[in-house]
Amino acid sequence: MNTSPSTPTTDDTEERKAADTTAATPDVTKKAGPGDDAVPDGVAPGVTASDVTAMDVAATDAAAEDGLEVEPDPYAEADATAAAGVGTGAAAVVAAGLGIVSLSGAWTGRVAAERETLMGQIKTSGGGSAAQQISEIYGDAWHTTALVNGLFALLALIVGVFVLVRPAFGAPSVLPQAGWVRSVAVAGTALGVLGLLISVGMYLDLFVALPSAAGG
């Protein structure tokens, strides 16, 4: 008695189709090789580590454009603060140096005074009264020295005040101004004020009056 071959059932047919589809579909998932970076879990197949990094950068830029708070780089802030501290510290030292020069006198003041003395001698060489000689030879040189010293004092005052008020302007800094910078700036400002007062007194003959021709 001959038996007819059995007809495959519906379940067997579906299993064969699923197996054929799995075999025909290539594996597009990139496996990390020895020189590749590992891809985080949950990333779609075919996405490399460089793609993930690019997406992170794009997300950070988008957050900045949307106004979201992005944590600043602490190293960049420290470098900017250090650069600003160097400038203000140098300005404070310059202010103190200018204040000292205004009190002790500068070589420019001596040269200007000698020039005025020479010009006075030339003007009075042909004759002149005693009062004219005193004014031309001594008085003009004295006033020129006071004027030059006063200029140095004024510069010391301006630079010192600039250093002291600098933190109030511009972008606020995380670190306060160094204590030695403020101290040197205050010293330069005080020397500038003192030198300016002395120079004004010298120019107006308040401290030492010019010699009198009658007493000469």
N, C-alpha and C. Protein backbone atom coordinates (compact mmCIF):
# COMPACT_ATOMS: atom_id res chain seq x y z
N MET A 1 0.86 -1.19 0.00
CA MET A 1 0.00 0.00 0.00
C MET A 1 0.89 1.23 0.00
N ASN A 2 0.70 2.05 -1.03
CA ASN A 2 1.51 3.28 -1.15
C ASN A 2 0.93 4.38 -0.30
N THR A 3 1.89 5.13 0.35
CA THR A 3 1.47 6.28 1.19
C THR A 3 1.89 7.56 0.52
N SER A 4 1.05 8.55 0.48
CA SER A 4 1.35 9.86 -0.17
C SER A 4 2.16 10.72 0.80
N PRO A 5 3.11 11.52 0.25
CA PRO A 5 3.92 12.39 1.15
C PRO A 5 3.05 13.36 1.89
N SER A 6 3.50 13.60 3.12
CA SER A 6 2.71 14.49 3.98
C SER A 6 2.88 15.94 3.54
N THR A 7 1.82 16.68 3.63
CA THR A 7 1.82 18.11 3.24
C THR A 7 2.35 18.94 4.40
N PRO A 8 3.34 19.85 4.12
CA PRO A 8 3.89 20.66 5.23
C PRO A 8 2.84 21.57 5.81
N THR A 9 2.91 21.73 7.08
CA THR A 9 1.93 22.56 7.77
C THR A 9 2.29 24.04 7.62
N THR A 10 1.36 24.87 8.05
CA THR A 10 1.56 26.34 7.96
C THR A 10 2.70 26.80 8.86
N ASP A 11 2.83 26.21 10.05
CA ASP A 11 3.90 26.61 10.98
C ASP A 11 5.27 26.32 10.41
N ASP A 12 5.40 25.15 9.75
CA ASP A 12 6.71 24.83 9.15
C ASP A 12 7.06 25.81 8.05
N THR A 13 6.09 26.22 7.27
CA THR A 13 6.35 27.17 6.17
C THR A 13 6.81 28.52 6.70
N GLU A 14 6.20 29.03 7.76
CA GLU A 14 6.59 30.33 8.33
C GLU A 14 7.98 30.27 8.93
N GLU A 15 8.34 29.15 9.57
CA GLU A 15 9.68 29.02 10.14
C GLU A 15 10.74 29.01 9.05
N ARG A 16 10.46 28.35 7.92
CA ARG A 16 11.42 28.33 6.81
C ARG A 16 11.60 29.73 6.21
N LYS A 17 10.52 30.49 6.07
CA LYS A 17 10.62 31.85 5.52
C LYS A 17 11.43 32.75 6.45
N ALA A 18 11.23 32.62 7.76
CA ALA A 18 11.98 33.44 8.71
C ALA A 18 13.46 33.11 8.68
N ALA A 19 13.77 31.81 8.53
CA ALA A 19 15.18 31.40 8.46
C ALA A 19 15.82 31.91 7.20
N ASP A 20 15.11 31.87 6.05
CA ASP A 20 15.67 32.38 4.80
C ASP A 20 15.90 33.88 4.86
N THR A 21 14.98 34.60 5.47
CA THR A 21 15.13 36.07 5.57
C THR A 21 16.31 36.44 6.44
N THR A 22 16.52 35.71 7.54
CA THR A 22 17.65 35.99 8.42
C THR A 22 18.97 35.72 7.74
N ALA A 23 19.03 34.66 6.94
CA ALA A 23 20.26 34.31 6.23
C ALA A 23 20.58 35.32 5.13
N ALA A 24 19.54 35.87 4.49
CA ALA A 24 19.76 36.79 3.37
C ALA A 24 20.08 38.20 3.83
N THR A 25 19.75 38.55 5.06
CA THR A 25 19.99 39.92 5.55
C THR A 25 21.42 40.03 6.06
N PRO A 26 22.24 40.96 5.49
CA PRO A 26 23.64 41.08 5.96
C PRO A 26 23.69 41.77 7.31
N ASP A 27 24.74 41.50 8.03
CA ASP A 27 24.96 42.11 9.35
C ASP A 27 25.66 43.45 9.14
N VAL A 28 24.92 44.52 9.37
CA VAL A 28 25.46 45.87 9.14
C VAL A 28 26.02 46.47 10.42
N THR A 29 25.94 45.77 11.51
CA THR A 29 26.46 46.29 12.78
C THR A 29 27.97 46.24 12.76
N LYS A 30 28.60 47.39 13.01
CA LYS A 30 30.06 47.46 13.00
C LYS A 30 30.59 47.04 14.36
N LYS A 31 31.38 46.01 14.34
CA LYS A 31 31.98 45.54 15.58
C LYS A 31 33.29 46.28 15.80
N ALA A 32 33.55 46.60 17.05
CA ALA A 32 34.76 47.34 17.38
C ALA A 32 35.98 46.45 17.20
N GLY A 33 36.90 46.93 16.39
CA GLY A 33 38.12 46.19 16.17
C GLY A 33 39.17 46.57 17.18
N PRO A 34 40.39 46.13 16.96
CA PRO A 34 41.46 46.44 17.92
C PRO A 34 41.76 47.94 17.98
N GLY A 35 41.67 48.66 16.83
CA GLY A 35 41.99 50.08 16.82
C GLY A 35 40.80 50.99 16.88
N ASP A 36 39.56 50.50 17.04
CA ASP A 36 38.35 51.31 17.05
C ASP A 36 37.92 51.57 18.48
N ASP A 37 37.20 52.70 18.65
CA ASP A 37 36.62 53.02 19.96
C ASP A 37 35.32 52.26 20.15
N ALA A 38 35.04 51.93 21.37
CA ALA A 38 33.82 51.19 21.68
C ALA A 38 32.63 52.12 21.55
N VAL A 39 31.54 51.58 21.01
CA VAL A 39 30.31 52.34 20.83
C VAL A 39 29.43 52.11 22.04
N PRO A 40 28.86 53.13 22.65
CA PRO A 40 28.01 52.92 23.83
C PRO A 40 26.81 52.07 23.51
N ASP A 41 26.28 51.45 24.57
CA ASP A 41 25.09 50.62 24.42
C ASP A 41 23.89 51.49 24.08
N GLY A 42 22.96 50.92 23.36
CA GLY A 42 21.74 51.64 23.01
C GLY A 42 21.85 52.47 21.76
N VAL A 43 22.99 52.41 21.05
CA VAL A 43 23.17 53.18 19.82
C VAL A 43 22.72 52.34 18.65
N ALA A 44 22.15 52.98 17.66
CA ALA A 44 21.63 52.26 16.51
C ALA A 44 22.74 51.54 15.77
N PRO A 45 22.46 50.40 15.14
CA PRO A 45 23.50 49.66 14.40
C PRO A 45 24.07 50.52 13.28
N GLY A 46 25.39 50.39 13.05
CA GLY A 46 26.06 51.13 12.00
C GLY A 46 26.59 52.48 12.42
N VAL A 47 26.35 52.93 13.66
CA VAL A 47 26.82 54.22 14.14
C VAL A 47 28.16 54.01 14.84
N THR A 48 29.18 54.76 14.40
CA THR A 48 30.52 54.61 14.94
C THR A 48 30.73 55.54 16.13
N ALA A 49 31.90 55.37 16.79
CA ALA A 49 32.21 56.21 17.94
C ALA A 49 32.41 57.66 17.54
N SER A 50 32.98 57.91 16.35
CA SER A 50 33.16 59.29 15.88
C SER A 50 31.82 59.97 15.65
N ASP A 51 30.83 59.20 15.18
CA ASP A 51 29.49 59.77 14.99
C ASP A 51 28.88 60.17 16.33
N VAL A 52 29.11 59.35 17.36
CA VAL A 52 28.58 59.66 18.68
C VAL A 52 29.21 60.95 19.22
N THR A 53 30.53 61.12 19.03
CA THR A 53 31.21 62.33 19.48
C THR A 53 30.69 63.56 18.75
N ALA A 54 30.46 63.43 17.45
CA ALA A 54 29.93 64.55 16.68
C ALA A 54 28.54 64.93 17.15
N MET A 55 27.73 63.94 17.50
CA MET A 55 26.39 64.24 17.99
C MET A 55 26.44 64.93 19.35
N ASP A 56 27.41 64.55 20.21
CA ASP A 56 27.55 65.22 21.51
C ASP A 56 27.94 66.68 21.34
N VAL A 57 28.86 66.95 20.42
CA VAL A 57 29.27 68.35 20.18
C VAL A 57 28.12 69.16 19.64
N ALA A 58 27.36 68.57 18.71
CA ALA A 58 26.21 69.29 18.16
C ALA A 58 25.16 69.57 19.23
N ALA A 59 24.97 68.63 20.15
CA ALA A 59 24.01 68.85 21.23
C ALA A 59 24.46 69.96 22.16
N THR A 60 25.78 70.04 22.43
CA THR A 60 26.29 71.12 23.28
C THR A 60 26.10 72.47 22.62
N ASP A 61 26.40 72.56 21.31
CA ASP A 61 26.20 73.82 20.59
C ASP A 61 24.74 74.22 20.57
N ALA A 62 23.87 73.26 20.38
CA ALA A 62 22.44 73.57 20.37
C ALA A 62 21.97 74.07 21.72
N ALA A 63 22.51 73.49 22.79
CA ALA A 63 22.14 73.95 24.12
C ALA A 63 22.60 75.38 24.36
N ALA A 64 23.80 75.72 23.86
CA ALA A 64 24.28 77.09 24.01
C ALA A 64 23.44 78.07 23.23
N GLU A 65 23.01 77.68 22.01
CA GLU A 65 22.17 78.56 21.20
C GLU A 65 20.80 78.74 21.82
N ASP A 66 20.30 77.74 22.50
CA ASP A 66 18.97 77.84 23.12
C ASP A 66 19.00 78.63 24.42
N GLY A 67 20.15 79.07 24.85
CA GLY A 67 20.24 79.85 26.09
C GLY A 67 20.41 79.02 27.33
N LEU A 68 20.68 77.73 27.19
CA LEU A 68 20.89 76.90 28.35
C LEU A 68 22.25 77.18 28.96
N GLU A 69 22.39 77.03 30.24
CA GLU A 69 23.63 77.34 30.94
C GLU A 69 24.65 76.25 30.68
N VAL A 70 25.81 76.66 30.15
CA VAL A 70 26.89 75.73 29.88
C VAL A 70 28.03 76.06 30.83
N GLU A 71 28.55 75.09 31.49
CA GLU A 71 29.60 75.31 32.49
C GLU A 71 30.86 75.84 31.82
N PRO A 72 31.40 77.02 32.25
CA PRO A 72 32.60 77.58 31.61
C PRO A 72 33.83 76.77 31.94
N ASP A 73 34.84 76.97 31.12
CA ASP A 73 36.10 76.26 31.32
C ASP A 73 36.87 76.94 32.45
N PRO A 74 37.16 76.25 33.56
CA PRO A 74 37.87 76.91 34.68
C PRO A 74 39.29 77.30 34.31
N TYR A 75 39.93 76.56 33.41
CA TYR A 75 41.30 76.90 33.03
C TYR A 75 41.35 78.19 32.23
N ALA A 76 40.37 78.40 31.36
CA ALA A 76 40.33 79.65 30.59
C ALA A 76 40.10 80.84 31.51
N GLU A 77 39.23 80.69 32.51
CA GLU A 77 38.98 81.78 33.46
C GLU A 77 40.23 82.09 34.27
N ALA A 78 40.96 81.05 34.66
CA ALA A 78 42.19 81.27 35.43
C ALA A 78 43.26 81.98 34.59
N ASP A 79 43.38 81.62 33.31
CA ASP A 79 44.35 82.28 32.44
C ASP A 79 44.01 83.75 32.25
N ALA A 80 42.74 84.06 32.06
CA ALA A 80 42.33 85.46 31.88
C ALA A 80 42.58 86.27 33.14
N THR A 81 42.29 85.68 34.31
CA THR A 81 42.52 86.38 35.57
C THR A 81 44.01 86.63 35.79
N ALA A 82 44.84 85.65 35.45
CA ALA A 82 46.29 85.82 35.62
C ALA A 82 46.82 86.92 34.71
N ALA A 83 46.33 86.96 33.46
CA ALA A 83 46.78 88.00 32.53
C ALA A 83 46.38 89.39 33.01
N ALA A 84 45.13 89.52 33.50
CA ALA A 84 44.69 90.81 34.02
C ALA A 84 45.47 91.20 35.26
N GLY A 85 45.82 90.23 36.12
CA GLY A 85 46.59 90.53 37.32
C GLY A 85 48.00 91.02 37.00
N VAL A 86 48.61 90.49 35.95
CA VAL A 86 49.94 90.94 35.56
C VAL A 86 49.89 92.40 35.11
N GLY A 87 48.87 92.77 34.32
CA GLY A 87 48.76 94.14 33.85
C GLY A 87 48.53 95.14 34.96
N THR A 88 47.61 94.83 35.88
CA THR A 88 47.33 95.76 36.97
C THR A 88 48.50 95.84 37.94
N GLY A 89 49.20 94.73 38.18
CA GLY A 89 50.36 94.76 39.05
C GLY A 89 51.47 95.63 38.48
N ALA A 90 51.72 95.50 37.16
CA ALA A 90 52.74 96.34 36.54
C ALA A 90 52.35 97.82 36.59
N ALA A 91 51.06 98.12 36.37
CA ALA A 91 50.61 99.51 36.44
C ALA A 91 50.78 100.08 37.85
N ALA A 92 50.53 99.26 38.87
CA ALA A 92 50.70 99.73 40.25
C ALA A 92 52.16 100.06 40.53
N VAL A 93 53.08 99.22 40.06
CA VAL A 93 54.51 99.49 40.27
C VAL A 93 54.92 100.76 39.53
N VAL A 94 54.39 100.96 38.31
CA VAL A 94 54.70 102.17 37.55
C VAL A 94 54.20 103.41 38.29
N ALA A 95 53.00 103.33 38.88
CA ALA A 95 52.47 104.47 39.63
C ALA A 95 53.37 104.83 40.80
N ALA A 96 53.84 103.81 41.54
CA ALA A 96 54.73 104.08 42.67
C ALA A 96 56.05 104.67 42.20
N GLY A 97 56.59 104.17 41.08
CA GLY A 97 57.84 104.71 40.56
C GLY A 97 57.70 106.16 40.11
N LEU A 98 56.59 106.48 39.45
CA LEU A 98 56.36 107.86 39.03
C LEU A 98 56.21 108.79 40.23
N GLY A 99 55.57 108.30 41.29
CA GLY A 99 55.45 109.11 42.50
C GLY A 99 56.78 109.42 43.14
N ILE A 100 57.68 108.42 43.16
CA ILE A 100 59.01 108.65 43.73
C ILE A 100 59.80 109.65 42.88
N VAL A 101 59.69 109.52 41.57
CA VAL A 101 60.40 110.45 40.68
C VAL A 101 59.89 111.88 40.86
N SER A 102 58.58 112.03 41.06
CA SER A 102 58.03 113.38 41.23
C SER A 102 58.57 114.07 42.49
N LEU A 103 58.94 113.30 43.51
CA LEU A 103 59.48 113.88 44.74
C LEU A 103 60.99 114.09 44.67
N SER A 104 61.68 113.15 44.07
CA SER A 104 63.15 113.24 44.02
C SER A 104 63.65 114.05 42.84
N GLY A 105 62.83 114.20 41.80
CA GLY A 105 63.26 114.93 40.62
C GLY A 105 63.77 114.00 39.54
N ALA A 106 63.48 114.35 38.29
CA ALA A 106 63.89 113.55 37.16
C ALA A 106 64.99 114.26 36.38
N TRP A 107 65.74 113.49 35.61
CA TRP A 107 66.81 114.09 34.82
C TRP A 107 66.24 115.01 33.76
N THR A 108 65.03 114.74 33.31
CA THR A 108 64.39 115.64 32.35
C THR A 108 64.14 117.01 32.96
N GLY A 109 63.79 117.05 34.24
CA GLY A 109 63.60 118.32 34.90
C GLY A 109 64.90 119.11 35.03
N ARG A 110 65.98 118.41 35.32
CA ARG A 110 67.27 119.10 35.43
C ARG A 110 67.72 119.65 34.08
N VAL A 111 67.53 118.84 33.03
CA VAL A 111 67.91 119.31 31.70
C VAL A 111 67.09 120.53 31.30
N ALA A 112 65.78 120.49 31.58
CA ALA A 112 64.93 121.64 31.25
C ALA A 112 65.32 122.87 32.06
N ALA A 113 65.68 122.67 33.33
CA ALA A 113 66.09 123.81 34.16
C ALA A 113 67.40 124.41 33.67
N GLU A 114 68.36 123.57 33.29
CA GLU A 114 69.62 124.08 32.76
C GLU A 114 69.41 124.84 31.46
N ARG A 115 68.47 124.38 30.66
CA ARG A 115 68.18 125.09 29.40
C ARG A 115 67.62 126.48 29.70
N GLU A 116 66.72 126.56 30.66
CA GLU A 116 66.16 127.86 31.02
C GLU A 116 67.24 128.79 31.60
N THR A 117 68.16 128.23 32.37
CA THR A 117 69.25 129.04 32.91
C THR A 117 70.13 129.59 31.79
N LEU A 118 70.43 128.73 30.82
CA LEU A 118 71.25 129.18 29.69
C LEU A 118 70.54 130.26 28.89
N MET A 119 69.27 130.08 28.66
CA MET A 119 68.52 131.09 27.92
C MET A 119 68.47 132.41 28.69
N GLY A 120 68.33 132.33 30.01
CA GLY A 120 68.33 133.54 30.82
C GLY A 120 69.66 134.26 30.76
N GLN A 121 70.75 133.50 30.78
CA GLN A 121 72.07 134.13 30.69
C GLN A 121 72.26 134.81 29.34
N ILE A 122 71.75 134.21 28.28
CA ILE A 122 71.86 134.83 26.96
C ILE A 122 71.05 136.11 26.89
N LYS A 123 69.85 136.09 27.48
CA LYS A 123 69.00 137.27 27.42
C LYS A 123 69.58 138.44 28.22
N THR A 124 70.22 138.14 29.32
CA THR A 124 70.75 139.21 30.18
C THR A 124 72.23 139.49 29.95
N SER A 125 72.81 138.87 28.94
CA SER A 125 74.24 139.10 28.70
C SER A 125 74.51 140.52 28.24
N GLY A 126 73.55 141.13 27.56
CA GLY A 126 73.74 142.49 27.08
C GLY A 126 73.40 143.52 28.13
N GLY A 127 73.07 143.10 29.30
CA GLY A 127 72.71 144.02 30.36
C GLY A 127 71.29 143.79 30.81
N GLY A 128 70.97 144.16 32.00
CA GLY A 128 69.64 144.00 32.56
C GLY A 128 69.67 144.27 34.04
N SER A 129 68.55 144.53 34.60
CA SER A 129 68.46 144.80 36.02
C SER A 129 68.67 143.53 36.83
N ALA A 130 68.88 143.72 38.12
CA ALA A 130 69.08 142.56 39.01
C ALA A 130 67.81 141.71 39.08
N ALA A 131 66.66 142.36 39.13
CA ALA A 131 65.40 141.61 39.19
C ALA A 131 65.18 140.79 37.92
N GLN A 132 65.57 141.37 36.79
CA GLN A 132 65.42 140.62 35.53
C GLN A 132 66.37 139.44 35.50
N GLN A 133 67.58 139.61 35.96
CA GLN A 133 68.52 138.49 35.97
C GLN A 133 68.05 137.37 36.90
N ILE A 134 67.52 137.75 38.05
CA ILE A 134 67.01 136.74 38.99
C ILE A 134 65.86 135.97 38.35
N SER A 135 64.95 136.70 37.69
CA SER A 135 63.80 136.05 37.08
C SER A 135 64.19 135.17 35.91
N GLU A 136 65.08 135.65 35.06
CA GLU A 136 65.44 134.91 33.85
C GLU A 136 66.37 133.74 34.15
N ILE A 137 67.32 133.92 35.03
CA ILE A 137 68.33 132.88 35.26
C ILE A 137 67.87 131.87 36.32
N TYR A 138 67.29 132.36 37.39
CA TYR A 138 66.94 131.48 38.50
C TYR A 138 65.45 131.13 38.53
N GLY A 139 64.61 132.12 38.39
CA GLY A 139 63.17 131.89 38.54
C GLY A 139 62.60 130.97 37.49
N ASP A 140 62.97 131.18 36.22
CA ASP A 140 62.42 130.32 35.16
C ASP A 140 62.88 128.87 35.32
N ALA A 141 64.13 128.67 35.72
CA ALA A 141 64.63 127.30 35.93
C ALA A 141 63.91 126.63 37.09
N TRP A 142 63.67 127.37 38.15
CA TRP A 142 62.96 126.85 39.32
C TRP A 142 61.54 126.44 38.95
N HIS A 143 60.86 127.28 38.21
CA HIS A 143 59.48 126.98 37.82
C HIS A 143 59.41 125.82 36.82
N THR A 144 60.41 125.73 35.95
CA THR A 144 60.43 124.61 35.01
C THR A 144 60.61 123.28 35.73
N THR A 145 61.49 123.26 36.73
CA THR A 145 61.67 122.03 37.52
C THR A 145 60.38 121.64 38.22
N ALA A 146 59.69 122.63 38.79
CA ALA A 146 58.42 122.34 39.46
C ALA A 146 57.38 121.82 38.47
N LEU A 147 57.38 122.37 37.26
CA LEU A 147 56.41 121.93 36.26
C LEU A 147 56.64 120.48 35.83
N VAL A 148 57.91 120.11 35.62
CA VAL A 148 58.22 118.74 35.21
C VAL A 148 57.91 117.75 36.33
N ASN A 149 58.27 118.09 37.56
CA ASN A 149 57.96 117.21 38.69
C ASN A 149 56.45 117.06 38.88
N GLY A 150 55.72 118.15 38.67
CA GLY A 150 54.27 118.08 38.77
C GLY A 150 53.66 117.19 37.72
N LEU A 151 54.25 117.17 36.53
CA LEU A 151 53.75 116.28 35.47
C LEU A 151 53.92 114.82 35.85
N PHE A 152 55.08 114.46 36.41
CA PHE A 152 55.29 113.08 36.87
C PHE A 152 54.32 112.74 38.01
N ALA A 153 54.07 113.67 38.89
CA ALA A 153 53.14 113.43 39.99
C ALA A 153 51.72 113.20 39.47
N LEU A 154 51.33 113.97 38.48
CA LEU A 154 50.00 113.81 37.91
C LEU A 154 49.86 112.45 37.23
N LEU A 155 50.89 112.02 36.53
CA LEU A 155 50.85 110.69 35.90
C LEU A 155 50.75 109.59 36.95
N ALA A 156 51.50 109.72 38.04
CA ALA A 156 51.43 108.73 39.12
C ALA A 156 50.03 108.67 39.72
N LEU A 157 49.41 109.82 39.88
CA LEU A 157 48.06 109.87 40.44
C LEU A 157 47.05 109.21 39.51
N ILE A 158 47.15 109.47 38.22
CA ILE A 158 46.21 108.90 37.25
C ILE A 158 46.35 107.38 37.18
N VAL A 159 47.60 106.90 37.09
CA VAL A 159 47.82 105.45 36.97
C VAL A 159 47.39 104.73 38.25
N GLY A 160 47.70 105.30 39.41
CA GLY A 160 47.31 104.67 40.66
C GLY A 160 45.80 104.58 40.83
N VAL A 161 45.09 105.66 40.49
CA VAL A 161 43.63 105.63 40.58
C VAL A 161 43.04 104.64 39.59
N PHE A 162 43.63 104.54 38.40
CA PHE A 162 43.15 103.58 37.41
C PHE A 162 43.25 102.15 37.93
N VAL A 163 44.36 101.82 38.57
CA VAL A 163 44.53 100.46 39.11
C VAL A 163 43.50 100.18 40.19
N LEU A 164 43.21 101.16 41.03
CA LEU A 164 42.27 100.95 42.13
C LEU A 164 40.83 100.79 41.65
N VAL A 165 40.45 101.50 40.61
CA VAL A 165 39.06 101.43 40.13
C VAL A 165 38.88 100.43 39.00
N ARG A 166 39.96 99.79 38.56
CA ARG A 166 39.86 98.85 37.44
C ARG A 166 38.89 97.70 37.71
N PRO A 167 38.84 97.08 38.90
CA PRO A 167 37.90 95.95 39.10
C PRO A 167 36.44 96.34 38.96
N ALA A 168 36.10 97.62 39.07
CA ALA A 168 34.70 98.03 38.97
C ALA A 168 34.22 98.10 37.52
N PHE A 169 35.12 98.00 36.57
CA PHE A 169 34.75 98.09 35.16
C PHE A 169 35.09 96.78 34.45
N GLY A 170 34.42 96.54 33.36
CA GLY A 170 34.65 95.32 32.60
C GLY A 170 33.94 94.13 33.20
N ALA A 171 34.27 92.95 32.69
CA ALA A 171 33.66 91.71 33.16
C ALA A 171 34.13 91.40 34.57
N PRO A 172 33.22 91.02 35.47
CA PRO A 172 33.64 90.69 36.84
C PRO A 172 34.52 89.45 36.86
N SER A 173 35.51 89.46 37.73
CA SER A 173 36.45 88.36 37.85
C SER A 173 36.09 87.50 39.06
N VAL A 174 36.37 86.20 38.92
CA VAL A 174 36.10 85.27 40.02
C VAL A 174 37.04 85.55 41.19
N LEU A 175 38.32 85.82 40.88
CA LEU A 175 39.31 86.07 41.92
C LEU A 175 39.43 87.56 42.17
N PRO A 176 39.50 88.00 43.44
CA PRO A 176 39.64 89.43 43.73
C PRO A 176 41.04 89.91 43.38
N GLN A 177 41.17 91.24 43.33
CA GLN A 177 42.47 91.83 43.05
C GLN A 177 43.44 91.53 44.18
N ALA A 178 44.67 91.23 43.83
CA ALA A 178 45.67 90.86 44.84
C ALA A 178 45.90 92.02 45.81
N GLY A 179 46.17 91.66 47.06
CA GLY A 179 46.37 92.67 48.08
C GLY A 179 47.58 93.54 47.83
N TRP A 180 48.68 92.94 47.35
CA TRP A 180 49.89 93.74 47.12
C TRP A 180 49.69 94.73 45.99
N VAL A 181 48.84 94.38 45.02
CA VAL A 181 48.57 95.31 43.93
C VAL A 181 47.85 96.54 44.45
N ARG A 182 46.85 96.34 45.29
CA ARG A 182 46.13 97.48 45.87
C ARG A 182 47.05 98.33 46.75
N SER A 183 47.92 97.67 47.52
CA SER A 183 48.82 98.41 48.40
C SER A 183 49.79 99.28 47.60
N VAL A 184 50.38 98.72 46.56
CA VAL A 184 51.33 99.50 45.75
C VAL A 184 50.60 100.62 45.02
N ALA A 185 49.38 100.34 44.55
CA ALA A 185 48.60 101.38 43.86
C ALA A 185 48.25 102.52 44.81
N VAL A 186 47.88 102.20 46.05
CA VAL A 186 47.58 103.24 47.03
C VAL A 186 48.84 104.06 47.33
N ALA A 187 49.98 103.40 47.45
CA ALA A 187 51.23 104.12 47.69
C ALA A 187 51.56 105.05 46.53
N GLY A 188 51.40 104.57 45.30
CA GLY A 188 51.66 105.42 44.14
C GLY A 188 50.72 106.60 44.08
N THR A 189 49.44 106.38 44.43
CA THR A 189 48.47 107.48 44.43
C THR A 189 48.83 108.52 45.49
N ALA A 190 49.21 108.06 46.69
CA ALA A 190 49.59 108.99 47.76
C ALA A 190 50.83 109.79 47.38
N LEU A 191 51.83 109.13 46.81
CA LEU A 191 53.04 109.84 46.38
C LEU A 191 52.71 110.85 45.28
N GLY A 192 51.80 110.47 44.38
CA GLY A 192 51.41 111.39 43.32
C GLY A 192 50.73 112.64 43.87
N VAL A 193 49.84 112.45 44.84
CA VAL A 193 49.16 113.61 45.45
C VAL A 193 50.17 114.51 46.16
N LEU A 194 51.08 113.87 46.92
CA LEU A 194 52.08 114.65 47.65
C LEU A 194 53.01 115.40 46.68
N GLY A 195 53.47 114.72 45.66
CA GLY A 195 54.33 115.37 44.68
C GLY A 195 53.63 116.49 43.94
N LEU A 196 52.34 116.32 43.66
CA LEU A 196 51.59 117.37 42.96
C LEU A 196 51.45 118.61 43.84
N LEU A 197 51.19 118.41 45.12
CA LEU A 197 51.07 119.55 46.03
C LEU A 197 52.39 120.31 46.16
N ILE A 198 53.49 119.57 46.28
CA ILE A 198 54.80 120.21 46.39
C ILE A 198 55.14 120.97 45.10
N SER A 199 54.82 120.39 43.96
CA SER A 199 55.13 121.05 42.69
C SER A 199 54.33 122.34 42.53
N VAL A 200 53.07 122.30 42.92
CA VAL A 200 52.25 123.52 42.83
C VAL A 200 52.80 124.60 43.76
N GLY A 201 53.23 124.20 44.98
CA GLY A 201 53.81 125.16 45.90
C GLY A 201 55.11 125.75 45.38
N MET A 202 55.93 124.92 44.72
CA MET A 202 57.17 125.43 44.14
C MET A 202 56.89 126.39 42.98
N TYR A 203 55.94 126.04 42.14
CA TYR A 203 55.66 126.89 40.98
C TYR A 203 55.09 128.25 41.40
N LEU A 204 54.29 128.26 42.47
CA LEU A 204 53.69 129.51 42.94
C LEU A 204 54.55 130.21 43.99
N ASP A 205 55.75 129.71 44.23
CA ASP A 205 56.68 130.30 45.21
C ASP A 205 56.08 130.39 46.61
N LEU A 206 55.35 129.35 46.98
CA LEU A 206 54.73 129.34 48.31
C LEU A 206 55.70 128.86 49.38
N PHE A 207 56.60 127.97 49.05
CA PHE A 207 57.53 127.42 50.03
C PHE A 207 58.79 128.28 50.14
N VAL A 208 59.41 128.56 49.01
CA VAL A 208 60.64 129.36 48.98
C VAL A 208 60.45 130.44 47.94
N ALA A 209 60.48 131.70 48.38
CA ALA A 209 60.29 132.82 47.46
C ALA A 209 61.58 133.11 46.71
N LEU A 210 61.45 133.74 45.56
CA LEU A 210 62.61 134.12 44.77
C LEU A 210 63.42 135.19 45.53
N PRO A 211 64.73 135.18 45.34
CA PRO A 211 65.54 136.22 46.00
C PRO A 211 65.11 137.62 45.55
N SER A 212 65.18 138.53 46.47
CA SER A 212 64.80 139.91 46.19
C SER A 212 66.00 140.70 45.69
N ALA A 213 65.75 141.56 44.70
CA ALA A 213 66.86 142.36 44.15
C ALA A 213 67.35 143.36 45.17
N ALA A 214 66.47 143.82 46.04
CA ALA A 214 66.87 144.81 47.05
C ALA A 214 67.81 144.20 48.07
N GLY A 215 67.57 142.91 48.37
CA GLY A 215 68.43 142.24 49.36
C GLY A 215 69.68 141.69 48.77
N GLY A 216 69.80 141.70 47.43
CA GLY A 216 70.97 141.14 46.80
C GLY A 216 72.15 142.05 46.91
